[in-house]
Structure formats: structure tokens, C-alpha cells
Protein backbone atom coordinates (compact mmCIF):
# COMPACT_ATOMS: atom_id res chain seq x y z
CA MET A 1 0.00 0.00 0.00
CA ALA A 2 1.38 3.41 -0.97
CA VAL A 3 1.19 5.07 2.43
CA ALA A 4 2.83 8.50 2.58
CA SER A 5 5.43 9.09 5.26
CA LYS A 6 4.69 11.83 7.77
CA GLY A 7 4.94 15.27 6.19
CA LYS A 8 5.57 13.86 2.69
CA ALA A 9 2.72 13.80 0.15
CA ILE A 10 1.98 11.06 -2.36
CA THR A 11 2.96 12.54 -5.72
CA ASP A 12 2.61 9.56 -8.06
CA ALA A 13 -0.92 8.33 -8.76
CA SER A 14 0.40 5.16 -10.40
CA ARG A 15 1.69 3.98 -7.02
CA LEU A 16 -1.84 3.95 -5.56
CA SER A 17 -3.90 0.78 -5.45
CA GLY A 18 -7.51 0.69 -6.66
CA PRO A 19 -9.01 1.14 -3.16
CA GLU A 20 -6.58 4.02 -2.48
CA LYS A 21 -7.62 5.80 -5.68
CA ALA A 22 -11.27 5.35 -4.72
CA ALA A 23 -10.46 6.68 -1.24
CA VAL A 24 -8.84 9.84 -2.70
CA ILE A 25 -11.82 10.51 -4.96
CA LEU A 26 -14.37 9.98 -2.18
CA LEU A 27 -12.39 12.22 0.19
CA ALA A 28 -12.29 14.92 -2.47
CA LEU A 29 -16.03 14.65 -3.12
CA GLY A 30 -16.73 14.99 0.60
CA GLU A 31 -19.78 14.26 2.72
CA ASP A 32 -22.30 15.75 0.24
CA HIS A 33 -21.74 12.78 -2.06
CA GLY A 34 -22.26 10.11 0.61
CA THR A 35 -24.88 8.40 -1.56
CA ILE A 36 -22.02 6.88 -3.56
CA TRP A 37 -21.10 4.81 -0.52
CA SER A 38 -24.60 3.38 -0.32
CA GLN A 39 -23.99 1.67 -3.68
CA LEU A 40 -21.05 -0.31 -2.29
CA ASP A 41 -21.26 -3.61 -0.40
CA ASP A 42 -19.85 -4.07 3.12
CA GLU A 43 -16.56 -5.59 1.94
CA GLU A 44 -15.96 -2.72 -0.52
CA ILE A 45 -16.77 -0.13 2.14
CA LYS A 46 -14.37 -1.82 4.55
CA GLU A 47 -11.58 -2.05 1.95
CA ILE A 48 -11.90 1.60 0.88
CA SER A 49 -12.22 2.76 4.50
CA GLN A 50 -9.03 0.86 5.40
CA ALA A 51 -7.21 2.55 2.50
CA MET A 52 -8.62 5.96 3.43
CA ALA A 53 -7.62 5.74 7.07
CA GLY A 54 -3.98 5.01 6.18
CA LEU A 55 -3.72 7.35 3.21
CA GLY A 56 -1.84 10.30 4.72
CA ASN A 57 -1.06 13.35 2.54
CA VAL A 58 -1.95 13.30 -1.17
CA ALA A 59 -0.53 15.98 -3.46
CA ALA A 60 -2.98 18.26 -5.29
CA SER A 61 -1.62 17.10 -8.65
CA VAL A 62 -2.55 13.52 -7.83
CA VAL A 63 -6.04 14.55 -6.71
CA GLU A 64 -6.51 16.47 -9.98
CA GLN A 65 -5.25 13.57 -12.05
CA LEU A 66 -7.68 11.13 -10.41
CA LEU A 67 -10.65 13.48 -10.58
CA VAL A 68 -10.21 14.63 -14.18
CA ASP A 69 -12.09 11.63 -15.59
CA PHE A 70 -14.97 12.03 -13.13
CA ILE A 71 -15.67 15.68 -12.46
CA SER A 72 -14.76 18.77 -14.46
CA GLY A 73 -13.85 21.98 -12.71
CA MET A 74 -12.36 20.15 -9.69
CA SER A 75 -8.71 20.66 -10.60
CA GLY A 76 -8.37 23.23 -7.85
CA ALA A 77 -9.47 20.82 -5.17
CA GLY A 78 -6.06 21.01 -3.56
CA ALA A 79 -4.27 18.56 -1.32
CA ILE A 80 -6.28 16.38 1.05
CA MET A 81 -5.51 14.37 4.17
CA GLY A 82 -6.90 10.92 4.88
CA SER A 83 -7.20 10.03 8.56
CA PHE A 84 -9.22 7.89 10.95
CA GLU A 85 -11.22 10.94 12.03
CA GLN A 86 -12.01 12.07 8.46
CA THR A 87 -13.01 8.52 7.50
CA GLN A 88 -15.28 8.19 10.53
CA ARG A 89 -16.93 11.56 9.79
CA LEU A 90 -17.62 10.60 6.17
CA LEU A 91 -19.04 7.19 7.06
CA ALA A 92 -21.28 8.75 9.72
CA ALA A 93 -22.99 10.85 7.04
CA PHE A 94 -24.77 7.81 5.55
CA LEU A 95 -24.30 4.79 7.84
CA PRO A 96 -25.85 4.03 11.25
CA ALA A 97 -23.59 4.98 14.18
CA GLU A 98 -23.33 1.36 15.34
CA LYS A 99 -22.12 0.21 11.91
CA VAL A 100 -19.61 3.08 11.72
CA ASP A 101 -18.20 2.11 15.13
CA THR A 102 -17.88 -1.52 14.07
CA LEU A 103 -16.11 -0.60 10.83
CA MET A 104 -13.70 1.81 12.53
CA GLU A 105 -12.88 -0.73 15.24
CA GLU A 106 -12.08 -3.31 12.57
CA ILE A 107 -9.92 -0.79 10.69
CA ARG A 108 -7.99 0.16 13.84
CA GLY A 109 -7.76 -3.45 15.00
CA PRO A 110 -5.55 -6.24 13.64
CA ALA A 111 -5.63 -7.02 9.93
CA GLY A 112 -7.68 -9.87 8.49
CA ARG A 113 -10.84 -10.39 6.49
CA THR A 114 -12.52 -12.71 9.01
CA MET A 115 -12.57 -12.69 12.81
CA TRP A 116 -10.29 -15.75 12.86
CA ASP A 117 -7.80 -14.06 10.52
CA LYS A 118 -7.75 -11.08 12.85
CA LEU A 119 -7.18 -13.25 15.93
CA GLY A 120 -4.21 -14.80 14.14
CA ASN A 121 -2.60 -11.34 14.07
CA VAL A 122 -3.13 -10.64 17.76
CA ASN A 123 -0.11 -11.13 20.02
CA GLU A 124 -0.44 -14.50 21.80
CA ALA A 125 0.11 -12.97 25.25
CA VAL A 126 -2.66 -10.41 24.68
CA LEU A 127 -5.05 -13.07 23.39
CA ALA A 128 -4.18 -15.48 26.22
CA ASN A 129 -4.76 -12.74 28.79
CA TYR A 130 -8.31 -12.33 27.45
CA LEU A 131 -9.09 -16.02 26.96
CA LYS A 132 -7.95 -17.08 30.44
CA ASN A 133 -11.16 -15.51 31.82
CA GLU A 134 -13.42 -17.38 29.39
CA TYR A 135 -14.98 -20.86 29.69
CA PRO A 136 -12.56 -23.63 28.61
CA GLN A 137 -15.09 -24.80 26.01
CA THR A 138 -15.20 -21.32 24.45
CA VAL A 139 -11.39 -21.18 24.37
CA ALA A 140 -11.32 -24.64 22.76
CA VAL A 141 -13.60 -23.42 19.97
CA VAL A 142 -11.51 -20.27 19.41
CA LEU A 143 -8.21 -22.16 19.30
CA SER A 144 -9.65 -24.74 16.91
CA LYS A 145 -10.44 -21.91 14.46
CA VAL A 146 -7.00 -20.21 14.36
CA LYS A 147 -3.81 -21.54 12.81
CA SER A 148 -2.16 -24.37 14.76
CA GLU A 149 1.11 -22.46 15.27
CA HIS A 150 -0.74 -19.52 16.82
CA ALA A 151 -2.94 -21.81 18.92
CA ALA A 152 0.23 -23.46 20.27
CA ARG A 153 1.70 -20.11 21.32
CA VAL A 154 -1.56 -19.06 23.00
CA LEU A 155 -1.82 -22.37 24.90
CA ALA A 156 1.76 -21.96 26.12
CA ALA A 157 0.88 -18.49 27.44
CA LEU A 158 -2.21 -19.70 29.35
CA PRO A 159 -2.05 -21.00 32.97
CA GLU A 160 -1.02 -24.66 32.71
CA ASP A 161 -4.07 -26.27 34.37
CA PHE A 162 -6.44 -24.11 32.34
CA ALA A 163 -4.54 -24.85 29.12
CA LEU A 164 -4.74 -28.61 29.77
CA GLU A 165 -8.49 -28.34 30.34
CA CYS A 166 -8.80 -26.52 26.98
CA VAL A 167 -6.73 -29.23 25.27
CA THR A 168 -9.03 -31.91 26.74
CA ARG A 169 -12.10 -30.04 25.44
CA MET A 170 -10.50 -29.70 21.99
CA LEU A 171 -9.83 -33.46 21.87
CA ARG A 172 -13.48 -34.24 22.67
CA MET A 173 -14.97 -31.44 20.61
CA GLU A 174 -17.68 -32.18 18.07
CA PRO A 175 -18.67 -29.91 15.14
CA VAL A 176 -19.81 -26.54 16.51
CA GLN A 177 -23.28 -25.28 15.64
CA ARG A 178 -23.35 -22.19 13.44
CA GLU A 179 -25.40 -20.23 15.99
CA ILE A 180 -22.84 -20.88 18.74
CA LEU A 181 -19.97 -19.92 16.44
CA ASP A 182 -21.78 -16.71 15.46
CA LYS A 183 -22.32 -15.87 19.14
CA ILE A 184 -18.62 -16.40 19.95
CA GLU A 185 -17.62 -14.24 16.97
CA GLN A 186 -19.96 -11.47 18.10
CA THR A 187 -18.61 -11.63 21.67
CA LEU A 188 -15.02 -11.46 20.40
CA ARG A 189 -15.92 -8.49 18.22
CA THR A 190 -17.74 -6.49 20.91
CA GLU A 191 -15.71 -7.40 24.01
CA PHE A 192 -12.20 -8.09 22.74
CA MET A 193 -11.60 -6.46 19.35
CA SER A 194 -13.33 -3.21 20.32
CA ASN A 195 -11.15 -2.90 23.44
CA LEU A 196 -8.08 -3.78 21.37
CA ALA A 197 -8.98 -1.03 18.89
CA ARG A 198 -9.49 1.51 21.68
CA THR A 199 -6.11 0.74 23.25
CA SER A 200 -4.46 1.51 19.90
CA LYS A 201 -5.54 5.14 20.35
CA ARG A 202 -3.43 5.65 23.47
CA ASP A 203 -0.70 8.22 23.69
CA SER A 204 2.52 7.27 21.88
CA HIS A 205 4.56 8.14 24.97
CA GLU A 206 2.59 5.54 26.98
CA MET A 207 3.34 2.95 24.31
CA MET A 208 7.05 3.81 24.40
CA ALA A 209 7.08 3.71 28.21
CA ASP A 210 5.82 0.11 28.03
CA ILE A 211 8.53 -0.72 25.50
CA PHE A 212 11.21 0.91 27.66
CA ASN A 213 9.91 -1.05 30.66
CA ALA A 214 10.68 -4.24 28.73
CA PHE A 215 14.33 -3.25 28.08
CA ASP A 216 17.12 -4.52 30.29
CA ARG A 217 18.76 -1.80 32.36
CA GLN A 218 21.69 -1.16 30.05
CA THR A 219 19.54 -0.90 26.92
CA GLU A 220 17.03 1.33 28.70
CA ALA A 221 19.77 3.67 29.94
CA ARG A 222 21.32 3.82 26.45
CA PHE A 223 18.03 4.70 24.74
CA ILE A 224 16.99 7.24 27.38
CA ALA A 225 20.38 8.96 27.17
CA ALA A 226 20.23 9.09 23.35
CA LEU A 227 16.65 10.35 23.39
CA GLU A 228 17.51 13.07 25.90
CA GLU A 229 20.04 14.48 23.42
CA ARG A 230 17.43 14.65 20.65
CA ASN A 231 14.23 15.37 22.56
CA ARG A 232 14.60 15.98 26.29
CA GLU A 233 10.88 16.65 26.77
CA SER A 234 9.89 13.26 25.31
CA ALA A 235 12.57 11.47 27.32
CA GLU A 236 11.33 13.02 30.56
CA ARG A 237 7.72 12.20 29.73
CA ILE A 238 8.57 8.56 28.97
CA ARG A 239 10.58 8.28 32.18
CA ALA A 240 7.63 9.70 34.15
CA LEU A 241 5.24 7.16 32.60
CA MET A 242 7.48 4.16 33.16
CA PHE A 243 6.73 1.83 36.06
CA VAL A 244 9.93 0.20 37.25
CA PHE A 245 10.76 -2.29 39.98
CA GLU A 246 11.76 0.36 42.54
CA ASP A 247 8.27 1.90 42.18
CA LEU A 248 6.96 -1.10 44.11
CA SER A 249 8.20 0.77 47.19
CA LYS A 250 5.04 2.92 46.86
CA LEU A 251 2.76 -0.06 47.53
CA ASP A 252 0.78 -0.02 50.75
CA PRO A 253 1.32 -2.97 53.16
CA GLY A 254 -1.79 -4.76 51.91
CA GLY A 255 -0.57 -4.40 48.32
CA VAL A 256 2.88 -5.77 49.22
CA GLN A 257 1.34 -8.81 50.90
CA THR A 258 -0.98 -9.44 47.94
CA LEU A 259 2.01 -9.25 45.59
CA LEU A 260 4.06 -11.59 47.79
CA ARG A 261 1.33 -14.22 47.58
CA ALA A 262 1.27 -13.94 43.78
CA VAL A 263 5.00 -14.23 42.96
CA GLU A 264 7.20 -17.29 43.02
CA LYS A 265 9.65 -17.31 45.93
CA ASP A 266 12.75 -18.04 43.83
CA GLN A 267 11.76 -15.20 41.49
CA LEU A 268 11.33 -12.85 44.46
CA GLY A 269 14.75 -13.73 45.86
CA LEU A 270 16.45 -13.14 42.51
CA ALA A 271 14.63 -9.82 42.00
CA LEU A 272 15.54 -8.57 45.49
CA LYS A 273 19.22 -9.40 44.92
CA GLY A 274 19.36 -6.37 42.62
CA SER A 275 17.08 -4.03 44.57
CA SER A 276 17.86 -1.16 46.91
CA ASP A 277 18.27 -1.94 50.61
CA SER A 278 15.13 0.04 51.46
CA LEU A 279 12.93 -1.88 49.00
CA ARG A 280 14.40 -5.19 50.17
CA GLU A 281 13.61 -4.35 53.80
CA MET A 282 10.08 -3.27 52.86
CA PHE A 283 9.38 -6.74 51.45
CA PHE A 284 11.02 -8.47 54.41
CA SER A 285 8.98 -6.40 56.88
CA ASN A 286 5.78 -7.66 55.26
CA MET A 287 6.78 -11.31 55.69
CA SER A 288 6.67 -13.40 58.81
CA GLU A 289 9.97 -13.44 60.73
CA ARG A 290 10.56 -17.05 59.70
CA ALA A 291 9.76 -16.43 56.01
CA ALA A 292 12.06 -13.38 55.93
CA LYS A 293 14.88 -15.41 57.52
CA ILE A 294 14.49 -18.21 54.96
CA MET A 295 14.41 -15.68 52.09
CA ARG A 296 17.63 -14.01 53.31
CA GLU A 297 19.33 -17.39 53.56
CA ASP A 298 18.15 -18.38 50.07
CA MET A 299 19.48 -15.12 48.64
CA GLU A 300 22.87 -15.62 50.32
CA SER A 301 23.11 -19.17 49.01
CA MET A 302 22.56 -17.92 45.43
CA GLY A 303 25.99 -16.33 45.36
CA PRO A 304 26.75 -14.00 42.42
CA VAL A 305 23.91 -13.76 39.91
CA ARG A 306 23.81 -12.39 36.37
CA LEU A 307 22.36 -8.89 35.95
CA ARG A 308 20.26 -10.17 33.03
CA ASP A 309 18.60 -12.77 35.29
CA VAL A 310 17.88 -10.14 37.94
CA ASP A 311 16.36 -7.83 35.32
CA GLN A 312 14.11 -10.60 34.04
CA ALA A 313 12.94 -11.49 37.56
CA GLN A 314 12.20 -7.84 38.33
CA MET A 315 10.34 -7.36 35.05
CA ALA A 316 8.26 -10.47 35.78
CA MET A 317 7.36 -9.10 39.24
CA VAL A 318 6.40 -5.74 37.75
CA GLN A 319 4.14 -7.54 35.27
CA VAL A 320 2.47 -9.50 38.08
CA ALA A 321 1.92 -6.22 39.93
CA LYS A 322 0.38 -4.64 36.81
CA ASP A 323 -1.94 -7.65 36.36
CA LEU A 324 -3.06 -7.38 39.99
CA ALA A 325 -3.64 -3.64 39.56
CA ALA A 326 -5.72 -4.27 36.44
CA LYS A 327 -7.93 -6.60 38.49
CA GLY A 328 -8.25 -3.95 41.20
CA GLU A 329 -6.48 -6.08 43.81
CA ILE A 330 -3.67 -3.57 44.44
CA MET A 331 -3.07 0.10 43.61
CA LEU A 332 0.06 1.17 41.79
CA ALA A 333 1.64 4.61 41.76
CA GLY A 334 4.35 4.84 39.13
CA ALA A 335 7.26 7.19 38.70
CA GLY A 336 5.99 10.73 38.44
CA SER A 337 2.44 9.57 39.14
CA GLU A 338 -0.11 11.76 40.89
CA ASP A 339 -1.78 8.66 42.34
CA GLU A 340 0.09 8.86 45.62
CA LEU A 341 -1.69 7.28 48.56
CA ILE A 342 -2.71 9.43 51.56
CA TYR A 343 -3.33 7.87 54.96
């Protein structure tokens, strides 16, 4: 697809695909000619909408070239910009709001013509995180409809007992009735895909903060330092949005105890080997005297440990904390957060 880079207009009409050319013409005609859309079927609307939303800048000369065979006197139409917002506004002029929302969610969501194609393009960890709260029979149906390689990755990301139950259901599964399959598809579309589409609208600095959280310490420091030289404001904003292991020191005692019950003990010991003394003592003070003594002894018996292993253990604990926060079981206050707790 001939998508223009930011700030650079498409100047060659021959590089545009059929749907992209149609998107340019319909954008140029505007909302007053919405009746044209009513002559298209759902698949055509979806294909042109997808092209329109990713179009970017189109040079006036290209617009003129494409319009010359359709409308005279439009050569001064000028440059246009295709965007999600413009696409949504145009569709709203002639389609019901519910249908517009569905189309835009599908455009923003993962690629694929069918729901099962789309699921195949969803990260396995994201899909597993959603499916782990569903009935095993429903998960069995979903995994039987996606490609085997993707199903394998999703199963590996699910809790082991739950995954085995899903495998058992898949082994015993009979052909699924069309009505049940339709209902599952509709649920996936309304509950999962729509949320997935909405999360794609989040601030780019939030997205980068999550990526930086996944770096090891050395890589994170290198990227932050390089970014500070180019754009100090963005670097500071990303740093403020990041939630790092030391931010666990802001947990209240109940939150610490909830987290301690959720993490594996060997993982905790490895993570604390690389923590500050104050954070280490905070965790110890929320354990029983005997448990704290055993943990200290286990940490001493580890001897020297690799920084990479410590980083991975700390990242895993941070992820557990984030999962607990998402469920409302603990409250997190990250670096630079205004969600400080007052007692």
C-alpha cells in the first residue's frame, strides 16, 4: 500500500492501489456525495475505508489527475488528508452509528478479512490474557479456528491447568453449531476487538514507556540517554510514565502482601538481589519473621547472579503487579504519578 510518510505527500498516482484511488476521490467529493457509498457492499466499504484511514497526505496534482475523468472543474481541489477521524466523519454521514463504530474498530484493530484471521494477528500474550477468563469450552472453539502455530503459542501463554483443560475439550470437541460460532464471533468483536482497537488510540509516549519497561537496564539507559540528546521533553515524559521495579516501594502494606502471595519465591529472591536496601527491607517487613529469615538465607546461598537474570525477575514481578492492579487487587503509583496514597 502506498502510504505516505509523515509530512511527505503522495505525488505519483500510479503507485496507488484501486481502493486508495477510490479513497482519494471519495475524500475529495466529501460528505455531500455520501450516496455513492450506499452503492457499495460491506466488503468494498471496509476495503476503501481501510485505504482511506492510512492514506496520509496526497498531493494536489494527484487529486486532480484522479478526478479529471470524473468531475470537471475540480482541478483546484487542492491537497487532502486521509485520517481515521475524516473517515469516521464521512461514514457517519450515511451509515448508522453502530455500523460506523464496528467498521472503525475493525480498521484500527488487527488485519484480516474474518474474525479468525484477525485473531491470528493478535499477540499471543494479549489473546491469552483475554481467553484465560473465558470458559474452557469457548477457548477450545476459538483455538480450533485459528492456525495451529498460533494456537500453540496461546496455549503456552495460558495458565497450565487451564490450558490442559482446553486441550481436553478440543480433543473431545464435536462440530460446533453455526449459531454458537456466530455468538462467539460477536462476543469477540464487541468485548475483545473493540477494546483492542481503543487501546491503539493511546498516547505514543505511553506505548514507548511500556517498551522501555521491557528493556534490560543497560539498553534502557542507552536509549533514554540518546533520546535526551534529541528530545529531552519526550525522554522526561517517557521516564515519568514508566513503572519500574523500585516503584513497588510505593505499595501499601496490603498491596505488598498481595504481591508476595502472587509471585514465586525463587523469582522474588532473585529480584531482590538487585534491589535497593530500602525496598528489600520493605518486602522483608511484610513477611513473617521465619519467612524473611528463609528468604535471606536463600538469597545468600545464590551467590553471584547475572544482571540479566535479575532484570528478568524484576520485570516479571512488575508484570504480576500490573496484572493485579488491572484486576483492582492492588493500587500502583508509578514514577511521576499523581496517584500517591494518603493515609
